[in-house]
Amino acid sequence: MMNWQGKRYWIVGASEGLGREVAKKLSAAGAEVIASARSDDRLKSLVAEVGGKASYVTVDVSDLSAVEAAAEAVGEIDGVVYLAGVYWPMKASEWDNKKADLMGEINFLGGSRVVGAVIGQMVKRGSGHIVLTGSLSGFRGLPGAIGYSASKAGLMALAESMQADLHKTDIRVQVINPGFIKTRLTEKNDFTMPFIMTPEAAAQEFFEHMNSDRFKRSFPMVFSWVFRLSQFMPDWMYYRLFGAK
């Protein structure tokens, strides 16, 4: 178990759902939390709710200059957790460029911008903690997931590249790949979502992984096996099982 007392963590995407619950977990463990998202009102209510040493900085992660300004306002930190994300179900035959662009912009490029804005101080200091949020949908392309699967796969690959570069340093890199979580994003789905979790239960899994020395965690465990094993399937088998019916 990590000693969270006195640690400063920047939580990006903290206004709703999983991000909000992770911020509360870290605060309860003794960390100082700096919460970020676009919604000023929701961040204010989160800071009031956690009660510990907490503050907020609004940021639009689609804007590089805004991210860099927010990172400067946040200052020296021990760790950053990227949880910002947007989602719309989308089939290739129903492509919406605006929504697809936003998923790539927020889910992948936003994470890259945030890491790029803080990693310099970690490298200079020789320590730090970077946590990115992937998805089980990022292991392999899924039907109806144009934009989302690709953006999460990109973020997961980004984490893997950072780990390859930094695994011999004291900068810890972690990636966490959840399945379905009951939020305003998954409310858009019109299909059955197996093993769907509450944000509180998912945040507990998230927090446990942050306390570990492992690089990657995918959950729920049994559900994650399906996605991880699918990577080893030949194409003809994968698309017969997972492709659109």
Protein backbone atom coordinates (compact mmCIF):
# COMPACT_ATOMS: atom_id res chain seq x y z
CA MET A 1 0.00 0.00 0.00
CA MET A 2 1.34 3.40 -0.96
CA ASN A 3 1.71 6.18 1.56
CA TRP A 4 -0.55 8.87 0.11
CA GLN A 5 -0.04 11.43 2.87
CA GLY A 6 1.30 14.70 1.51
CA LYS A 7 1.24 13.54 -2.12
CA ARG A 8 -0.17 15.92 -4.76
CA TYR A 9 -2.19 14.30 -7.55
CA TRP A 10 -3.74 16.00 -10.57
CA ILE A 11 -6.93 14.20 -11.59
CA VAL A 12 -8.03 15.16 -15.10
CA GLY A 13 -11.62 14.20 -15.89
CA ALA A 14 -12.75 14.38 -12.28
CA SER A 15 -16.17 16.01 -12.60
CA GLU A 16 -18.30 12.89 -13.17
CA GLY A 17 -18.45 9.10 -12.92
CA LEU A 18 -15.26 7.12 -12.43
CA GLY A 19 -13.02 10.20 -12.31
CA ARG A 20 -15.05 11.75 -9.52
CA GLU A 21 -14.96 8.56 -7.47
CA VAL A 22 -11.20 8.11 -7.98
CA ALA A 23 -10.62 11.67 -6.79
CA LYS A 24 -12.63 10.91 -3.65
CA LYS A 25 -10.63 7.70 -3.06
CA LEU A 26 -7.30 9.50 -3.29
CA SER A 27 -8.47 12.31 -1.04
CA ALA A 28 -9.75 9.85 1.56
CA ALA A 29 -6.35 8.12 1.49
CA GLY A 30 -4.64 11.40 2.41
CA ALA A 31 -3.51 12.80 -0.93
CA GLU A 32 -3.97 16.41 -1.96
CA VAL A 33 -6.22 16.35 -5.00
CA ILE A 34 -6.25 18.92 -7.77
CA ALA A 35 -9.33 18.14 -9.86
CA SER A 36 -9.75 19.20 -13.46
CA ALA A 37 -12.50 19.07 -16.08
CA ARG A 38 -14.48 21.59 -18.09
CA SER A 39 -17.38 21.95 -15.65
CA ASP A 40 -16.67 24.62 -13.04
CA ASP A 41 -19.81 23.85 -11.01
CA ARG A 42 -19.17 20.09 -10.81
CA LEU A 43 -15.55 20.65 -9.78
CA LYS A 44 -16.62 23.07 -7.06
CA SER A 45 -19.08 20.51 -5.69
CA LEU A 46 -16.41 17.78 -5.78
CA VAL A 47 -13.94 19.90 -3.81
CA ALA A 48 -16.66 20.61 -1.24
CA GLU A 49 -17.61 16.93 -1.10
CA VAL A 50 -14.13 15.45 -0.54
CA GLY A 51 -13.48 17.82 2.34
CA GLY A 52 -9.74 17.15 2.49
CA LYS A 53 -6.96 19.20 0.93
CA ALA A 54 -8.44 19.73 -2.51
CA SER A 55 -8.67 22.36 -5.19
CA TYR A 56 -9.66 22.55 -8.84
CA VAL A 57 -8.46 23.98 -12.14
CA THR A 58 -10.82 23.98 -15.11
CA VAL A 59 -9.34 22.81 -18.39
CA ASP A 60 -10.41 21.87 -21.90
CA VAL A 61 -8.03 19.05 -22.89
CA SER A 62 -8.78 19.62 -26.58
CA ASP A 63 -6.80 22.88 -26.34
CA LEU A 64 -3.01 22.44 -25.98
CA SER A 65 -2.42 25.96 -24.67
CA ALA A 66 -5.19 25.50 -22.09
CA VAL A 67 -3.64 22.22 -20.92
CA GLU A 68 -0.20 23.80 -20.57
CA ALA A 69 -1.68 26.78 -18.68
CA ALA A 70 -3.56 24.42 -16.36
CA ALA A 71 -0.41 22.36 -15.71
CA GLU A 72 1.44 25.55 -14.80
CA ALA A 73 -1.38 26.57 -12.44
CA VAL A 74 -1.37 23.12 -10.81
CA GLY A 75 2.39 23.29 -10.23
CA GLU A 76 4.62 20.54 -8.85
CA ILE A 77 2.81 17.22 -8.54
CA ASP A 78 3.66 13.68 -7.51
CA GLY A 79 1.24 12.10 -9.96
CA VAL A 80 -1.31 12.64 -12.70
CA VAL A 81 -4.36 10.50 -13.48
CA TYR A 82 -6.05 10.90 -16.86
CA LEU A 83 -9.72 9.91 -16.85
CA ALA A 84 -11.25 12.40 -19.31
CA GLY A 85 -13.25 10.77 -22.06
CA VAL A 86 -16.20 11.10 -24.42
CA TYR A 87 -18.17 8.38 -26.16
CA TRP A 88 -20.86 7.87 -28.76
CA PRO A 89 -21.79 4.46 -30.20
CA MET A 90 -21.00 4.62 -33.90
CA LYS A 91 -21.05 2.15 -36.79
CA ALA A 92 -18.83 2.54 -39.85
CA SER A 93 -21.99 2.87 -41.95
CA GLU A 94 -23.21 5.74 -39.72
CA TRP A 95 -19.94 7.69 -39.48
CA ASP A 96 -20.10 11.11 -37.84
CA ASN A 97 -16.83 12.97 -38.37
CA LYS A 98 -17.46 15.52 -35.62
CA LYS A 99 -18.07 12.87 -32.97
CA ALA A 100 -15.24 10.65 -34.20
CA ASP A 101 -12.85 13.62 -34.07
CA LEU A 102 -13.94 14.49 -30.54
CA MET A 103 -13.32 10.94 -29.31
CA GLY A 104 -9.82 11.02 -30.72
CA GLU A 105 -9.28 14.56 -29.46
CA ILE A 106 -10.37 13.96 -25.87
CA ASN A 107 -9.69 10.28 -25.26
CA PHE A 108 -6.26 10.05 -26.89
CA LEU A 109 -4.76 13.45 -27.72
CA GLY A 110 -6.01 14.96 -24.46
CA GLY A 111 -4.12 12.31 -22.52
CA SER A 112 -1.00 12.91 -24.59
CA ARG A 113 -1.21 16.66 -24.00
CA VAL A 114 -1.63 16.28 -20.23
CA VAL A 115 1.28 13.84 -19.93
CA GLY A 116 3.44 16.05 -22.14
CA ALA A 117 2.71 19.05 -19.91
CA VAL A 118 3.89 17.35 -16.68
CA ILE A 119 6.43 14.69 -17.59
CA GLY A 120 9.26 17.21 -17.86
CA GLN A 121 9.14 18.00 -14.15
CA MET A 122 9.06 14.28 -13.33
CA VAL A 123 12.08 13.51 -15.50
CA LYS A 124 13.98 16.44 -14.00
CA ARG A 125 13.11 15.33 -10.46
CA GLY A 126 13.60 11.64 -11.20
CA SER A 127 10.24 10.50 -9.82
CA GLY A 128 6.55 10.59 -10.58
CA HIS A 129 3.41 8.57 -11.23
CA ILE A 130 1.41 8.59 -14.49
CA VAL A 131 -1.91 6.73 -14.74
CA LEU A 132 -3.86 6.48 -17.99
CA THR A 133 -7.35 5.05 -18.46
CA GLY A 134 -7.75 2.69 -21.39
CA SER A 135 -10.68 0.35 -21.97
CA LEU A 136 -11.39 -3.30 -22.69
CA SER A 137 -12.63 -2.02 -26.05
CA GLY A 138 -9.08 -0.94 -26.86
CA PHE A 139 -7.69 -4.47 -27.12
CA ARG A 140 -9.19 -5.06 -30.56
CA GLY A 141 -11.63 -3.23 -32.85
CA LEU A 142 -15.30 -3.80 -32.00
CA PRO A 143 -18.46 -3.28 -34.04
CA GLY A 144 -20.27 -0.01 -33.38
CA ALA A 145 -17.16 1.49 -31.76
CA ILE A 146 -15.75 3.74 -34.49
CA GLY A 147 -13.71 6.42 -32.77
CA TYR A 148 -13.90 5.01 -29.26
CA SER A 149 -12.01 1.72 -29.68
CA ALA A 150 -9.32 3.43 -31.75
CA SER A 151 -8.85 6.30 -29.29
CA LYS A 152 -8.54 3.95 -26.33
CA ALA A 153 -6.17 1.64 -28.22
CA GLY A 154 -4.01 4.68 -28.92
CA LEU A 155 -3.93 5.69 -25.27
CA MET A 156 -3.06 2.13 -24.22
CA ALA A 157 -0.22 2.04 -26.75
CA LEU A 158 0.98 5.41 -25.45
CA ALA A 159 1.19 3.98 -21.95
CA GLU A 160 3.11 0.95 -23.25
CA SER A 161 5.63 3.18 -25.04
CA MET A 162 6.15 5.26 -21.90
CA GLN A 163 6.63 2.11 -19.84
CA ALA A 164 9.19 0.86 -22.36
CA ASP A 165 11.13 4.12 -21.98
CA LEU A 166 10.74 4.60 -18.22
CA HIS A 167 10.55 1.15 -16.64
CA LYS A 168 14.10 1.41 -15.27
CA THR A 169 13.47 4.82 -13.70
CA ASP A 170 11.49 5.91 -10.63
CA ILE A 171 8.70 7.29 -12.81
CA ARG A 172 5.85 4.79 -12.51
CA VAL A 173 3.55 4.35 -15.49
CA GLN A 174 0.24 2.49 -15.19
CA VAL A 175 -2.68 1.83 -17.52
CA ILE A 176 -6.08 0.68 -16.32
CA ASN A 177 -8.62 -0.85 -18.71
CA PRO A 178 -12.18 -0.96 -17.34
CA GLY A 179 -15.17 -2.66 -18.86
CA PHE A 180 -18.68 -1.18 -18.72
CA ILE A 181 -19.28 1.38 -15.97
CA LYS A 182 -22.71 2.81 -15.24
CA THR A 183 -22.30 6.47 -16.24
CA ARG A 184 -23.97 9.05 -18.48
CA LEU A 185 -21.73 7.76 -21.30
CA THR A 186 -22.89 4.14 -21.17
CA GLU A 187 -26.51 5.32 -20.94
CA LYS A 188 -26.15 5.93 -24.69
CA ASN A 189 -25.88 2.17 -25.35
CA ASP A 190 -28.97 0.27 -26.43
CA PHE A 191 -27.48 -3.21 -25.88
CA THR A 192 -26.90 -5.45 -22.88
CA MET A 193 -23.66 -4.57 -21.07
CA PRO A 194 -22.26 -7.65 -19.30
CA PHE A 195 -20.62 -7.22 -15.88
CA ILE A 196 -21.50 -3.51 -15.75
CA MET A 197 -20.07 -1.87 -12.61
CA THR A 198 -20.96 1.14 -10.51
CA PRO A 199 -18.46 4.01 -10.54
CA GLU A 200 -17.76 3.33 -6.86
CA ALA A 201 -16.86 -0.34 -7.47
CA ALA A 202 -14.73 0.56 -10.49
CA ALA A 203 -12.93 3.27 -8.49
CA GLN A 204 -12.00 0.67 -5.88
CA GLU A 205 -10.39 -1.50 -8.58
CA PHE A 206 -8.66 1.59 -9.93
CA PHE A 207 -7.33 2.60 -6.52
CA GLU A 208 -6.10 -0.91 -5.74
CA HIS A 209 -4.09 -0.94 -8.95
CA MET A 210 -2.59 2.46 -8.17
CA ASN A 211 -1.39 0.95 -4.89
CA SER A 212 0.33 -1.90 -6.71
CA ASP A 213 3.62 -2.14 -8.60
CA ARG A 214 1.98 -3.63 -11.70
CA PHE A 215 1.86 -1.80 -15.01
CA LYS A 216 -1.52 -2.95 -16.36
CA ARG A 217 -4.88 -3.95 -14.92
CA SER A 218 -8.00 -4.92 -16.84
CA PHE A 219 -11.34 -5.50 -15.14
CA PRO A 220 -13.80 -7.06 -14.46
CA MET A 221 -11.34 -9.96 -14.52
CA VAL A 222 -13.48 -12.68 -16.10
CA PHE A 223 -14.91 -10.29 -18.71
CA SER A 224 -11.42 -8.99 -19.52
CA TRP A 225 -10.25 -12.51 -20.44
CA VAL A 226 -12.56 -12.43 -23.47
CA PHE A 227 -10.92 -9.29 -24.82
CA ARG A 228 -7.36 -10.31 -24.03
CA LEU A 229 -7.79 -13.74 -25.59
CA SER A 230 -9.34 -12.17 -28.69
CA GLN A 231 -5.92 -10.71 -29.53
CA PHE A 232 -4.67 -14.21 -30.24
CA MET A 233 -7.57 -15.22 -32.49
CA PRO A 234 -6.99 -15.40 -36.26
CA ASP A 235 -8.95 -12.76 -38.14
CA TRP A 236 -11.49 -15.17 -39.62
CA MET A 237 -12.42 -16.41 -36.14
CA TYR A 238 -12.45 -13.02 -34.49
CA TYR A 239 -14.76 -11.38 -37.02
CA ARG A 240 -17.06 -14.40 -37.12
CA LEU A 241 -17.47 -14.16 -33.33
CA PHE A 242 -17.26 -10.40 -32.75
CA GLY A 243 -18.20 -8.84 -36.07
CA ALA A 244 -21.58 -7.26 -36.77
CA LYS A 245 -24.31 -9.84 -37.19
